Amino acid sequence: MEQPRRITDSFPRRLRRRGPGRPPGRLKDKKDKNDKGKDQDKVQVKVRDCSRSPSQQPPDPALLEMLRRFDLSWEYGPCTGITRLQRWERAQELGLSPPGPIR
């Protein structure tokens, strides 16, 4: 009788080879003293300021709590793979009367 196939049967097993003088478990060698000049060639990444603009108000804690309860409630059906609005509309069509402010 034939044994069941496994996903690992489809891919050849590769052995990790170590370079000369490299201890097991290390993938890269430390930089040599001669590589100091290469650090200067690195490009600095600009970090975008993610803070809120002064005109935006912080979100209402009561609304956030309502959204959290709606998201975690199984009363309105499963939520995997759909947006909150799609879930709200589906619950409305099924007559489950979801909270209005969620929409």
PDB file of N, CA and C in Angstrom:
ATOM      1  N   MET A   1       0.838  -1.177   0.000  1.00  0.00           N
ATOM      2  CA  MET A   1       0.000   0.000   0.000  1.00  0.00           C
ATOM      3  C   MET A   1       0.889   1.248   0.000  1.00  0.00           C
ATOM      4  N   GLU A   2       0.504   2.239  -0.770  1.00  0.00           N
ATOM      5  CA  GLU A   2       1.310   3.444  -0.937  1.00  0.00           C
ATOM      6  C   GLU A   2       1.109   4.394   0.244  1.00  0.00           C
ATOM      7  N   GLN A   3       2.205   4.995   0.715  1.00  0.00           N
ATOM      8  CA  GLN A   3       2.111   5.949   1.817  1.00  0.00           C
ATOM      9  C   GLN A   3       1.557   7.269   1.302  1.00  0.00           C
ATOM     10  N   PRO A   4       0.850   8.028   2.150  1.00  0.00           N
ATOM     11  CA  PRO A   4       0.300   9.314   1.709  1.00  0.00           C
ATOM     12  C   PRO A   4       1.431  10.296   1.390  1.00  0.00           C
ATOM     13  N   ARG A   5       1.197  11.124   0.391  1.00  0.00           N
ATOM     14  CA  ARG A   5       2.196  12.122   0.007  1.00  0.00           C
ATOM     15  C   ARG A   5       2.172  13.284   0.985  1.00  0.00           C
ATOM     16  N   ARG A   6       3.320  13.863   1.192  1.00  0.00           N
ATOM     17  CA  ARG A   6       3.447  15.036   2.049  1.00  0.00           C
ATOM     18  C   ARG A   6       4.003  16.177   1.238  1.00  0.00           C
ATOM     19  N   ILE A   7       3.778  17.377   1.708  1.00  0.00           N
ATOM     20  CA  ILE A   7       4.262  18.540   0.968  1.00  0.00           C
ATOM     21  C   ILE A   7       5.786  18.554   0.909  1.00  0.00           C
ATOM     22  N   THR A   8       6.426  17.977   1.904  1.00  0.00           N
ATOM     23  CA  THR A   8       7.889  17.958   1.900  1.00  0.00           C
ATOM     24  C   THR A   8       8.441  16.990   0.858  1.00  0.00           C
ATOM     25  N   ASP A   9       7.597  16.093   0.339  1.00  0.00           N
ATOM     26  CA  ASP A   9       8.049  15.183  -0.710  1.00  0.00           C
ATOM     27  C   ASP A   9       8.238  15.904  -2.041  1.00  0.00           C
ATOM     28  N   SER A  10       7.585  17.049  -2.230  1.00  0.00           N
ATOM     29  CA  SER A  10       7.634  17.768  -3.496  1.00  0.00           C
ATOM     30  C   SER A  10       8.877  18.628  -3.654  1.00  0.00           C
ATOM     31  N   PHE A  11       9.499  18.971  -2.546  1.00  0.00           N
ATOM     32  CA  PHE A  11      10.638  19.873  -2.595  1.00  0.00           C
ATOM     33  C   PHE A  11      11.886  19.145  -2.128  1.00  0.00           C
ATOM     34  N   PRO A  12      12.987  19.287  -2.870  1.00  0.00           N
ATOM     35  CA  PRO A  12      14.217  18.614  -2.444  1.00  0.00           C
ATOM     36  C   PRO A  12      14.764  19.251  -1.174  1.00  0.00           C
ATOM     37  N   ARG A  13      15.354  18.451  -0.358  1.00  0.00           N
ATOM     38  CA  ARG A  13      15.935  18.942   0.879  1.00  0.00           C
ATOM     39  C   ARG A  13      17.303  19.545   0.590  1.00  0.00           C
ATOM     40  N   ARG A  14      17.529  20.740   1.113  1.00  0.00           N
ATOM     41  CA  ARG A  14      18.806  21.410   0.905  1.00  0.00           C
ATOM     42  C   ARG A  14      19.589  21.422   2.206  1.00  0.00           C
ATOM     43  N   LEU A  15      20.848  21.076   2.115  1.00  0.00           N
ATOM     44  CA  LEU A  15      21.703  21.130   3.278  1.00  0.00           C
ATOM     45  C   LEU A  15      22.412  22.470   3.308  1.00  0.00           C
ATOM     46  N   ARG A  16      22.448  23.075   4.458  1.00  0.00           N
ATOM     47  CA  ARG A  16      23.117  24.349   4.610  1.00  0.00           C
ATOM     48  C   ARG A  16      24.601  24.090   4.768  1.00  0.00           C
ATOM     49  N   ARG A  17      25.386  24.656   3.892  1.00  0.00           N
ATOM     50  CA  ARG A  17      26.828  24.450   3.940  1.00  0.00           C
ATOM     51  C   ARG A  17      27.479  25.616   4.675  1.00  0.00           C
ATOM     52  N   ARG A  18      28.454  25.270   5.468  1.00  0.00           N
ATOM     53  CA  ARG A  18      29.181  26.292   6.204  1.00  0.00           C
ATOM     54  C   ARG A  18      30.466  26.629   5.474  1.00  0.00           C
ATOM     55  N   GLY A  19      30.810  27.895   5.524  1.00  0.00           N
ATOM     56  CA  GLY A  19      32.058  28.332   4.926  1.00  0.00           C
ATOM     57  C   GLY A  19      33.227  27.983   5.831  1.00  0.00           C
ATOM     58  N   PRO A  20      34.435  28.142   5.329  1.00  0.00           N
ATOM     59  CA  PRO A  20      35.605  27.816   6.149  1.00  0.00           C
ATOM     60  C   PRO A  20      35.705  28.752   7.347  1.00  0.00           C
ATOM     61  N   GLY A  21      35.866  28.173   8.506  1.00  0.00           N
ATOM     62  CA  GLY A  21      36.047  28.966   9.709  1.00  0.00           C
ATOM     63  C   GLY A  21      34.770  29.548  10.273  1.00  0.00           C
ATOM     64  N   ARG A  22      33.649  29.253   9.685  1.00  0.00           N
ATOM     65  CA  ARG A  22      32.397  29.808  10.175  1.00  0.00           C
ATOM     66  C   ARG A  22      31.794  28.839  11.189  1.00  0.00           C
ATOM     67  N   PRO A  23      31.512  29.322  12.408  1.00  0.00           N
ATOM     68  CA  PRO A  23      30.914  28.430  13.402  1.00  0.00           C
ATOM     69  C   PRO A  23      29.466  28.099  13.032  1.00  0.00           C
ATOM     70  N   PRO A  24      28.958  26.965  13.481  1.00  0.00           N
ATOM     71  CA  PRO A  24      27.592  26.593  13.140  1.00  0.00           C
ATOM     72  C   PRO A  24      26.585  27.594  13.703  1.00  0.00           C
ATOM     73  N   GLY A  25      25.523  27.850  12.943  1.00  0.00           N
ATOM     74  CA  GLY A  25      24.463  28.730  13.399  1.00  0.00           C
ATOM     75  C   GLY A  25      24.611  30.177  12.977  1.00  0.00           C
ATOM     76  N   ARG A  26      25.741  30.565  12.423  1.00  0.00           N
ATOM     77  CA  ARG A  26      25.925  31.946  11.978  1.00  0.00           C
ATOM     78  C   ARG A  26      25.777  32.005  10.479  1.00  0.00           C
ATOM     79  N   LEU A  27      25.013  32.969   9.998  1.00  0.00           N
ATOM     80  CA  LEU A  27      24.784  33.094   8.568  1.00  0.00           C
ATOM     81  C   LEU A  27      25.737  34.077   7.905  1.00  0.00           C
ATOM     82  N   LYS A  28      26.124  35.124   8.613  1.00  0.00           N
ATOM     83  CA  LYS A  28      26.993  36.135   8.029  1.00  0.00           C
ATOM     84  C   LYS A  28      28.204  36.335   8.920  1.00  0.00           C
ATOM     85  N   ASP A  29      29.298  36.668   8.278  1.00  0.00           N
ATOM     86  CA  ASP A  29      30.505  36.989   9.028  1.00  0.00           C
ATOM     87  C   ASP A  29      30.427  38.422   9.515  1.00  0.00           C
ATOM     88  N   LYS A  30      31.135  38.711  10.598  1.00  0.00           N
ATOM     89  CA  LYS A  30      31.225  40.095  11.055  1.00  0.00           C
ATOM     90  C   LYS A  30      32.018  40.905  10.040  1.00  0.00           C
ATOM     91  N   LYS A  31      31.804  42.217  10.042  1.00  0.00           N
ATOM     92  CA  LYS A  31      32.515  43.081   9.111  1.00  0.00           C
ATOM     93  C   LYS A  31      33.991  43.159   9.480  1.00  0.00           C
ATOM     94  N   ASP A  32      34.788  43.190   8.471  1.00  0.00           N
ATOM     95  CA  ASP A  32      36.221  43.351   8.679  1.00  0.00           C
ATOM     96  C   ASP A  32      36.521  44.802   8.999  1.00  0.00           C
ATOM     97  N   LYS A  33      37.728  45.047   9.489  1.00  0.00           N
ATOM     98  CA  LYS A  33      38.135  46.421   9.768  1.00  0.00           C
ATOM     99  C   LYS A  33      38.239  47.231   8.485  1.00  0.00           C
ATOM    100  N   ASN A  34      38.445  46.564   7.345  1.00  0.00           N
ATOM    101  CA  ASN A  34      38.577  47.258   6.061  1.00  0.00           C
ATOM    102  C   ASN A  34      37.235  47.737   5.525  1.00  0.00           C
ATOM    103  N   ASP A  35      36.115  47.284   6.094  1.00  0.00           N
ATOM    104  CA  ASP A  35      34.789  47.633   5.589  1.00  0.00           C
ATOM    105  C   ASP A  35      34.229  48.905   6.213  1.00  0.00           C
ATOM    106  N   LYS A  36      35.019  49.659   6.975  1.00  0.00           N
ATOM    107  CA  LYS A  36      34.505  50.863   7.636  1.00  0.00           C
ATOM    108  C   LYS A  36      34.001  51.890   6.639  1.00  0.00           C
ATOM    109  N   GLY A  37      34.626  52.015   5.507  1.00  0.00           N
ATOM    110  CA  GLY A  37      34.225  52.994   4.514  1.00  0.00           C
ATOM    111  C   GLY A  37      32.884  52.667   3.883  1.00  0.00           C
ATOM    112  N   LYS A  38      32.489  51.416   3.886  1.00  0.00           N
ATOM    113  CA  LYS A  38      31.225  51.018   3.273  1.00  0.00           C
ATOM    114  C   LYS A  38      30.025  51.511   4.073  1.00  0.00           C
ATOM    115  N   ASP A  39      30.195  51.724   5.382  1.00  0.00           N
ATOM    116  CA  ASP A  39      29.099  52.219   6.207  1.00  0.00           C
ATOM    117  C   ASP A  39      28.687  53.624   5.796  1.00  0.00           C
ATOM    118  N   GLN A  40      29.622  54.411   5.280  1.00  0.00           N
ATOM    119  CA  GLN A  40      29.313  55.774   4.886  1.00  0.00           C
ATOM    120  C   GLN A  40      28.466  55.810   3.625  1.00  0.00           C
ATOM    121  N   ASP A  41      28.464  54.730   2.850  1.00  0.00           N
ATOM    122  CA  ASP A  41      27.694  54.688   1.615  1.00  0.00           C
ATOM    123  C   ASP A  41      26.215  54.393   1.852  1.00  0.00           C
ATOM    124  N   LYS A  42      25.853  54.016   3.053  1.00  0.00           N
ATOM    125  CA  LYS A  42      24.460  53.684   3.330  1.00  0.00           C
ATOM    126  C   LYS A  42      23.588  54.934   3.208  1.00  0.00           C
ATOM    127  N   VAL A  43      22.415  54.733   2.680  1.00  0.00           N
ATOM    128  CA  VAL A  43      21.473  55.836   2.505  1.00  0.00           C
ATOM    129  C   VAL A  43      20.626  55.948   3.757  1.00  0.00           C
ATOM    130  N   GLN A  44      20.457  57.156   4.245  1.00  0.00           N
ATOM    131  CA  GLN A  44      19.605  57.361   5.405  1.00  0.00           C
ATOM    132  C   GLN A  44      18.149  57.364   4.958  1.00  0.00           C
ATOM    133  N   VAL A  45      17.330  56.667   5.698  1.00  0.00           N
ATOM    134  CA  VAL A  45      15.913  56.583   5.382  1.00  0.00           C
ATOM    135  C   VAL A  45      15.186  57.663   6.161  1.00  0.00           C
ATOM    136  N   LYS A  46      14.375  58.445   5.462  1.00  0.00           N
ATOM    137  CA  LYS A  46      13.594  59.470   6.127  1.00  0.00           C
ATOM    138  C   LYS A  46      12.357  58.832   6.735  1.00  0.00           C
ATOM    139  N   VAL A  47      12.118  59.134   7.984  1.00  0.00           N
ATOM    140  CA  VAL A  47      10.959  58.602   8.679  1.00  0.00           C
ATOM    141  C   VAL A  47       9.837  59.628   8.564  1.00  0.00           C
ATOM    142  N   ARG A  48       8.700  59.168   8.045  1.00  0.00           N
ATOM    143  CA  ARG A  48       7.566  60.065   7.874  1.00  0.00           C
ATOM    144  C   ARG A  48       6.930  60.328   9.229  1.00  0.00           C
ATOM    145  N   ASP A  49       6.581  61.570   9.461  1.00  0.00           N
ATOM    146  CA  ASP A  49       5.935  61.946  10.707  1.00  0.00           C
ATOM    147  C   ASP A  49       4.500  61.451  10.672  1.00  0.00           C
ATOM    148  N   CYS A  50       4.173  60.537  11.582  1.00  0.00           N
ATOM    149  CA  CYS A  50       2.842  59.924  11.598  1.00  0.00           C
ATOM    150  C   CYS A  50       1.930  60.560  12.625  1.00  0.00           C
ATOM    151  N   SER A  51       2.362  61.634  13.250  1.00  0.00           N
ATOM    152  CA  SER A  51       1.508  62.244  14.257  1.00  0.00           C
ATOM    153  C   SER A  51       0.319  62.926  13.591  1.00  0.00           C
ATOM    154  N   ARG A  52      -0.736  63.096  14.348  1.00  0.00           N
ATOM    155  CA  ARG A  52      -1.950  63.718  13.812  1.00  0.00           C
ATOM    156  C   ARG A  52      -1.712  65.198  13.556  1.00  0.00           C
ATOM    157  N   SER A  53      -2.364  65.689  12.541  1.00  0.00           N
ATOM    158  CA  SER A  53      -2.284  67.121  12.292  1.00  0.00           C
ATOM    159  C   SER A  53      -3.096  67.833  13.370  1.00  0.00           C
ATOM    160  N   PRO A  54      -2.810  69.091  13.639  1.00  0.00           N
ATOM    161  CA  PRO A  54      -3.511  69.803  14.707  1.00  0.00           C
ATOM    162  C   PRO A  54      -5.028  69.895  14.484  1.00  0.00           C
ATOM    163  N   SER A  55      -5.485  69.807  13.225  1.00  0.00           N
ATOM    164  CA  SER A  55      -6.911  69.947  12.957  1.00  0.00           C
ATOM    165  C   SER A  55      -7.694  68.679  13.291  1.00  0.00           C
ATOM    166  N   GLN A  56      -7.024  67.519  13.395  1.00  0.00           N
ATOM    167  CA  GLN A  56      -7.733  66.277  13.678  1.00  0.00           C
ATOM    168  C   GLN A  56      -7.969  66.130  15.172  1.00  0.00           C
ATOM    169  N   GLN A  57      -9.180  65.726  15.514  1.00  0.00           N
ATOM    170  CA  GLN A  57      -9.524  65.458  16.898  1.00  0.00           C
ATOM    171  C   GLN A  57      -9.183  64.008  17.224  1.00  0.00           C
ATOM    172  N   PRO A  58      -8.813  63.703  18.447  1.00  0.00           N
ATOM    173  CA  PRO A  58      -8.595  62.301  18.807  1.00  0.00           C
ATOM    174  C   PRO A  58      -9.929  61.554  18.729  1.00  0.00           C
ATOM    175  N   PRO A  59      -9.907  60.266  18.390  1.00  0.00           N
ATOM    176  CA  PRO A  59     -11.162  59.527  18.258  1.00  0.00           C
ATOM    177  C   PRO A  59     -11.893  59.427  19.597  1.00  0.00           C
ATOM    178  N   ASP A  60     -13.207  59.413  19.521  1.00  0.00           N
ATOM    179  CA  ASP A  60     -14.056  59.324  20.702  1.00  0.00           C
ATOM    180  C   ASP A  60     -13.912  57.940  21.328  1.00  0.00           C
ATOM    181  N   PRO A  61     -13.549  57.850  22.604  1.00  0.00           N
ATOM    182  CA  PRO A  61     -13.383  56.535  23.245  1.00  0.00           C
ATOM    183  C   PRO A  61     -14.665  55.702  23.234  1.00  0.00           C
ATOM    184  N   ALA A  62     -15.818  56.336  23.335  1.00  0.00           N
ATOM    185  CA  ALA A  62     -17.082  55.598  23.324  1.00  0.00           C
ATOM    186  C   ALA A  62     -17.319  54.963  21.956  1.00  0.00           C
ATOM    187  N   LEU A  63     -16.993  55.690  20.888  1.00  0.00           N
ATOM    188  CA  LEU A  63     -17.142  55.140  19.540  1.00  0.00           C
ATOM    189  C   LEU A  63     -16.170  53.988  19.317  1.00  0.00           C
ATOM    190  N   LEU A  64     -14.938  54.135  19.790  1.00  0.00           N
ATOM    191  CA  LEU A  64     -13.967  53.052  19.660  1.00  0.00           C
ATOM    192  C   LEU A  64     -14.426  51.802  20.409  1.00  0.00           C
ATOM    193  N   GLU A  65     -15.024  51.995  21.571  1.00  0.00           N
ATOM    194  CA  GLU A  65     -15.543  50.856  22.333  1.00  0.00           C
ATOM    195  C   GLU A  65     -16.693  50.187  21.587  1.00  0.00           C
ATOM    196  N   MET A  66     -17.571  50.986  20.962  1.00  0.00           N
ATOM    197  CA  MET A  66     -18.683  50.435  20.190  1.00  0.00           C
ATOM    198  C   MET A  66     -18.168  49.640  18.989  1.00  0.00           C
ATOM    199  N   LEU A  67     -17.154  50.162  18.302  1.00  0.00           N
ATOM    200  CA  LEU A  67     -16.561  49.457  17.170  1.00  0.00           C
ATOM    201  C   LEU A  67     -15.924  48.145  17.621  1.00  0.00           C
ATOM    202  N   ARG A  68     -15.244  48.176  18.760  1.00  0.00           N
ATOM    203  CA  ARG A  68     -14.603  46.973  19.279  1.00  0.00           C
ATOM    204  C   ARG A  68     -15.642  45.911  19.608  1.00  0.00           C
ATOM    205  N   ARG A  69     -16.744  46.326  20.252  1.00  0.00           N
ATOM    206  CA  ARG A  69     -17.799  45.366  20.594  1.00  0.00           C
ATOM    207  C   ARG A  69     -18.437  44.779  19.338  1.00  0.00           C
ATOM    208  N   PHE A  70     -18.647  45.616  18.312  1.00  0.00           N
ATOM    209  CA  PHE A  70     -19.230  45.128  17.060  1.00  0.00           C
ATOM    210  C   PHE A  70     -18.287  44.131  16.395  1.00  0.00           C
ATOM    211  N   ASP A  71     -16.999  44.455  16.371  1.00  0.00           N
ATOM    212  CA  ASP A  71     -16.014  43.581  15.718  1.00  0.00           C
ATOM    213  C   ASP A  71     -15.900  42.231  16.415  1.00  0.00           C
ATOM    214  N   LEU A  72     -16.025  42.204  17.733  1.00  0.00           N
ATOM    215  CA  LEU A  72     -15.823  40.973  18.483  1.00  0.00           C
ATOM    216  C   LEU A  72     -17.109  40.189  18.721  1.00  0.00           C
ATOM    217  N   SER A  73     -18.261  40.751  18.360  1.00  0.00           N
ATOM    218  CA  SER A  73     -19.531  40.100  18.623  1.00  0.00           C
ATOM    219  C   SER A  73     -19.879  39.101  17.521  1.00  0.00           C
ATOM    220  N   TRP A  74     -20.202  37.868  17.918  1.00  0.00           N
ATOM    221  CA  TRP A  74     -20.628  36.850  16.956  1.00  0.00           C
ATOM    222  C   TRP A  74     -22.109  37.004  16.608  1.00  0.00           C
ATOM    223  N   GLU A  75     -22.784  37.882  17.276  1.00  0.00           N
ATOM    224  CA  GLU A  75     -24.215  38.108  17.035  1.00  0.00           C
ATOM    225  C   GLU A  75     -24.481  38.538  15.588  1.00  0.00           C
ATOM    226  N   TYR A  76     -23.535  39.243  14.990  1.00  0.00           N
ATOM    227  CA  TYR A  76     -23.713  39.775  13.638  1.00  0.00           C
ATOM    228  C   TYR A  76     -23.055  38.905  12.575  1.00  0.00           C
ATOM    229  N   GLY A  77     -22.652  37.723  12.924  1.00  0.00           N
ATOM    230  CA  GLY A  77     -22.086  36.787  11.962  1.00  0.00           C
ATOM    231  C   GLY A  77     -20.568  36.851  11.911  1.00  0.00           C
ATOM    232  N   PRO A  78     -19.976  35.946  11.117  1.00  0.00           N
ATOM    233  CA  PRO A  78     -18.512  35.908  11.026  1.00  0.00           C
ATOM    234  C   PRO A  78     -17.964  37.158  10.334  1.00  0.00           C
ATOM    235  N   CYS A  79     -16.733  37.490  10.672  1.00  0.00           N
ATOM    236  CA  CYS A  79     -16.147  38.723  10.131  1.00  0.00           C
ATOM    237  C   CYS A  79     -14.885  38.474   9.329  1.00  0.00           C
ATOM    238  N   THR A  80     -14.549  37.243   9.066  1.00  0.00           N
ATOM    239  CA  THR A  80     -13.318  36.933   8.349  1.00  0.00           C
ATOM    240  C   THR A  80     -13.476  37.213   6.865  1.00  0.00           C
ATOM    241  N   GLY A  81     -12.571  38.000   6.312  1.00  0.00           N
ATOM    242  CA  GLY A  81     -12.530  38.219   4.873  1.00  0.00           C
ATOM    243  C   GLY A  81     -13.436  39.315   4.358  1.00  0.00           C
ATOM    244  N   ILE A  82     -14.134  40.040   5.224  1.00  0.00           N
ATOM    245  CA  ILE A  82     -14.991  41.131   4.762  1.00  0.00           C
ATOM    246  C   ILE A  82     -14.707  42.374   5.591  1.00  0.00           C
ATOM    247  N   THR A  83     -15.094  43.516   5.054  1.00  0.00           N
ATOM    248  CA  THR A  83     -14.888  44.764   5.770  1.00  0.00           C
ATOM    249  C   THR A  83     -15.973  44.939   6.820  1.00  0.00           C
ATOM    250  N   ARG A  84     -15.758  45.896   7.693  1.00  0.00           N
ATOM    251  CA  ARG A  84     -16.748  46.187   8.726  1.00  0.00           C
ATOM    252  C   ARG A  84     -18.058  46.648   8.099  1.00  0.00           C
ATOM    253  N   LEU A  85     -17.979  47.465   7.047  1.00  0.00           N
ATOM    254  CA  LEU A  85     -19.191  47.940   6.385  1.00  0.00           C
ATOM    255  C   LEU A  85     -19.950  46.792   5.732  1.00  0.00           C
ATOM    256  N   GLN A  86     -19.237  45.884   5.073  1.00  0.00           N
ATOM    257  CA  GLN A  86     -19.898  44.729   4.465  1.00  0.00           C
ATOM    258  C   GLN A  86     -20.564  43.875   5.531  1.00  0.00           C
ATOM    259  N   ARG A  87     -19.929  43.707   6.669  1.00  0.00           N
ATOM    260  CA  ARG A  87     -20.518  42.929   7.755  1.00  0.00           C
ATOM    261  C   ARG A  87     -21.755  43.622   8.302  1.00  0.00           C
ATOM    262  N   TRP A  88     -21.690  44.956   8.450  1.00  0.00           N
ATOM    263  CA  TRP A  88     -22.837  45.709   8.940  1.00  0.00           C
ATOM    264  C   TRP A  88     -24.011  45.571   7.974  1.00  0.00           C
ATOM    265  N   GLU A  89     -23.742  45.729   6.659  1.00  0.00           N
ATOM    266  CA  GLU A  89     -24.808  45.624   5.655  1.00  0.00           C
ATOM    267  C   GLU A  89     -25.404  44.220   5.628  1.00  0.00           C
ATOM    268  N   ARG A  90     -24.581  43.192   5.765  1.00  0.00           N
ATOM    269  CA  ARG A  90     -25.086  41.826   5.799  1.00  0.00           C
ATOM    270  C   ARG A  90     -25.980  41.617   7.012  1.00  0.00           C
ATOM    271  N   ALA A  91     -25.557  42.123   8.170  1.00  0.00           N
ATOM    272  CA  ALA A  91     -26.365  41.995   9.380  1.00  0.00           C
ATOM    273  C   ALA A  91     -27.686  42.740   9.228  1.00  0.00           C
ATOM    274  N   GLN A  92     -27.660  43.898   8.588  1.00  0.00           N
ATOM    275  CA  GLN A  92     -28.884  44.679   8.354  1.00  0.00           C
ATOM    276  C   GLN A  92     -29.839  43.899   7.451  1.00  0.00           C
ATOM    277  N   GLU A  93     -29.326  43.295   6.377  1.00  0.00           N
ATOM    278  CA  GLU A  93     -30.161  42.517   5.457  1.00  0.00           C
ATOM    279  C   GLU A  93     -30.774  41.298   6.145  1.00  0.00           C
ATOM    280  N   LEU A  94     -30.038  40.730   7.110  1.00  0.00           N
ATOM    281  CA  LEU A  94     -30.540  39.556   7.831  1.00  0.00           C
ATOM    282  C   LEU A  94     -31.476  39.921   8.984  1.00  0.00           C
ATOM    283  N   GLY A  95     -31.688  41.232   9.188  1.00  0.00           N
ATOM    284  CA  GLY A  95     -32.599  41.684  10.241  1.00  0.00           C
ATOM    285  C   GLY A  95     -32.008  41.591  11.632  1.00  0.00           C
ATOM    286  N   LEU A  96     -30.697  41.670  11.750  1.00  0.00           N
ATOM    287  CA  LEU A  96     -30.044  41.564  13.061  1.00  0.00           C
ATOM    288  C   LEU A  96     -29.907  42.903  13.774  1.00  0.00           C
ATOM    289  N   SER A  97     -30.333  43.983  13.132  1.00  0.00           N
ATOM    290  CA  SER A  97     -30.301  45.349  13.644  1.00  0.00           C
ATOM    291  C   SER A  97     -28.966  45.734  14.286  1.00  0.00           C
ATOM    292  N   PRO A  98     -27.908  45.892  13.483  1.00  0.00           N
ATOM    293  CA  PRO A  98     -26.615  46.328  14.025  1.00  0.00           C
ATOM    294  C   PRO A  98     -26.688  47.810  14.425  1.00  0.00           C
ATOM    295  N   PRO A  99     -25.814  48.264  15.301  1.00  0.00           N
ATOM    296  CA  PRO A  99     -25.834  49.668  15.724  1.00  0.00           C
ATOM    297  C   PRO A  99     -25.612  50.633  14.554  1.00  0.00           C
ATOM    298  N   GLY A 100     -26.406  51.675  14.484  1.00  0.00           N
ATOM    299  CA  GLY A 100     -26.344  52.639  13.396  1.00  0.00           C
ATOM    300  C   GLY A 100     -25.025  53.389  13.277  1.00  0.00           C
ATOM    301  N   PRO A 101     -24.430  53.872  14.380  1.00  0.00           N
ATOM    302  CA  PRO A 101     -23.177  54.631  14.264  1.00  0.00           C
ATOM    303  C   PRO A 101     -22.012  53.840  13.675  1.00  0.00           C
ATOM    304  N   ILE A 102     -22.116  52.515  13.684  1.00  0.00           N
ATOM    305  CA  ILE A 102     -21.047  51.692  13.119  1.00  0.00           C
ATOM    306  C   ILE A 102     -20.923  51.949  11.630  1.00  0.00           C
ATOM    307  N   ARG A 103     -22.048  52.128  10.967  1.00  0.00           N
ATOM    308  CA  ARG A 103     -22.048  52.325   9.517  1.00  0.00           C
ATOM    309  C   ARG A 103     -21.302  53.595   9.184  1.00  0.00           C
TER     310      ARG A 103
END
